[in-house]
Amino acid sequence: MAEELSNQAVAARLHLSRRTVETHPSAVHRRSGTPSRSALDLVMTRAACGTAG
């Protein structure tokens, strides 16, 4: 996600199906309440830096 690769590119890199790559981030978005990859990236960056959301 951080490298902004397409789902197909991530799937090829990790030797997974495209559908698997689509499913897992969708679950993360649902649980974290983030609407997009960029919003999730921001949440994760803030968490890694120790700053509040």
C-alpha atoms as a PDB file:
ATOM      1  CA  MET A   1       0.000   0.000   0.000  1.00  0.00           C
ATOM      2  CA  ALA A   2       2.726   2.442   0.929  1.00  0.00           C
ATOM      3  CA  GLU A   3       4.294   2.046  -2.503  1.00  0.00           C
ATOM      4  CA  GLU A   4       0.958   2.859  -4.185  1.00  0.00           C
ATOM      5  CA  LEU A   5       1.044  -0.288  -6.317  1.00  0.00           C
ATOM      6  CA  SER A   6      -2.078  -1.546  -8.028  1.00  0.00           C
ATOM      7  CA  ASN A   7      -3.816  -4.589  -6.573  1.00  0.00           C
ATOM      8  CA  GLN A   8      -2.602  -6.626  -9.543  1.00  0.00           C
ATOM      9  CA  ALA A   9       1.008  -5.514  -8.984  1.00  0.00           C
ATOM     10  CA  VAL A  10       0.836  -6.366  -5.277  1.00  0.00           C
ATOM     11  CA  ALA A  11      -0.674  -9.760  -6.092  1.00  0.00           C
ATOM     12  CA  ALA A  12       2.090 -10.533  -8.569  1.00  0.00           C
ATOM     13  CA  ARG A  13       4.809  -9.422  -6.158  1.00  0.00           C
ATOM     14  CA  LEU A  14       3.414 -11.537  -3.298  1.00  0.00           C
ATOM     15  CA  HIS A  15       2.311 -14.482  -5.467  1.00  0.00           C
ATOM     16  CA  LEU A  16      -1.317 -14.069  -4.390  1.00  0.00           C
ATOM     17  CA  SER A  17      -4.536 -13.733  -6.305  1.00  0.00           C
ATOM     18  CA  ARG A  18      -5.781 -10.237  -7.087  1.00  0.00           C
ATOM     19  CA  ARG A  19      -8.949 -11.042  -5.141  1.00  0.00           C
ATOM     20  CA  THR A  20      -6.966 -11.843  -1.978  1.00  0.00           C
ATOM     21  CA  VAL A  21      -5.162  -8.521  -2.272  1.00  0.00           C
ATOM     22  CA  GLU A  22      -8.505  -6.715  -2.674  1.00  0.00           C
ATOM     23  CA  THR A  23     -10.191  -8.493   0.226  1.00  0.00           C
ATOM     24  CA  HIS A  24      -7.685  -7.900   3.007  1.00  0.00           C
ATOM     25  CA  PRO A  25      -7.374  -4.103   2.680  1.00  0.00           C
ATOM     26  CA  SER A  26     -11.171  -3.887   2.474  1.00  0.00           C
ATOM     27  CA  ALA A  27     -11.393  -5.563   5.878  1.00  0.00           C
ATOM     28  CA  VAL A  28      -8.763  -3.187   7.278  1.00  0.00           C
ATOM     29  CA  HIS A  29     -10.647  -0.165   5.912  1.00  0.00           C
ATOM     30  CA  ARG A  30     -13.878  -1.417   7.452  1.00  0.00           C
ATOM     31  CA  ARG A  31     -12.321  -2.003  10.872  1.00  0.00           C
ATOM     32  CA  SER A  32     -10.297   1.216  10.953  1.00  0.00           C
ATOM     33  CA  GLY A  33     -13.045   3.405   9.530  1.00  0.00           C
ATOM     34  CA  THR A  34     -10.820   4.684   6.729  1.00  0.00           C
ATOM     35  CA  PRO A  35     -12.422   5.208   3.323  1.00  0.00           C
ATOM     36  CA  SER A  36      -9.336   4.789   1.134  1.00  0.00           C
ATOM     37  CA  ARG A  37      -5.759   3.599   0.913  1.00  0.00           C
ATOM     38  CA  SER A  38      -4.468   7.149   1.280  1.00  0.00           C
ATOM     39  CA  ALA A  39      -6.509   7.688   4.457  1.00  0.00           C
ATOM     40  CA  LEU A  40      -5.245   4.390   5.852  1.00  0.00           C
ATOM     41  CA  ASP A  41      -1.673   5.381   4.949  1.00  0.00           C
ATOM     42  CA  LEU A  42      -2.114   8.599   6.927  1.00  0.00           C
ATOM     43  CA  VAL A  43      -3.459   6.729   9.974  1.00  0.00           C
ATOM     44  CA  MET A  44      -0.588   4.212   9.815  1.00  0.00           C
ATOM     45  CA  THR A  45       2.036   6.948   9.377  1.00  0.00           C
ATOM     46  CA  ARG A  46       0.701   8.847  12.367  1.00  0.00           C
ATOM     47  CA  ALA A  47       0.656   5.657  14.428  1.00  0.00           C
ATOM     48  CA  ALA A  48       4.250   4.867  13.438  1.00  0.00           C
ATOM     49  CA  CYS A  49       5.343   8.394  14.360  1.00  0.00           C
ATOM     50  CA  GLY A  50       3.457   8.303  17.641  1.00  0.00           C
ATOM     51  CA  THR A  51       1.214  11.257  16.829  1.00  0.00           C
ATOM     52  CA  ALA A  52      -2.497  11.350  17.543  1.00  0.00           C
ATOM     53  CA  GLY A  53      -5.021  11.068  14.708  1.00  0.00           C
END
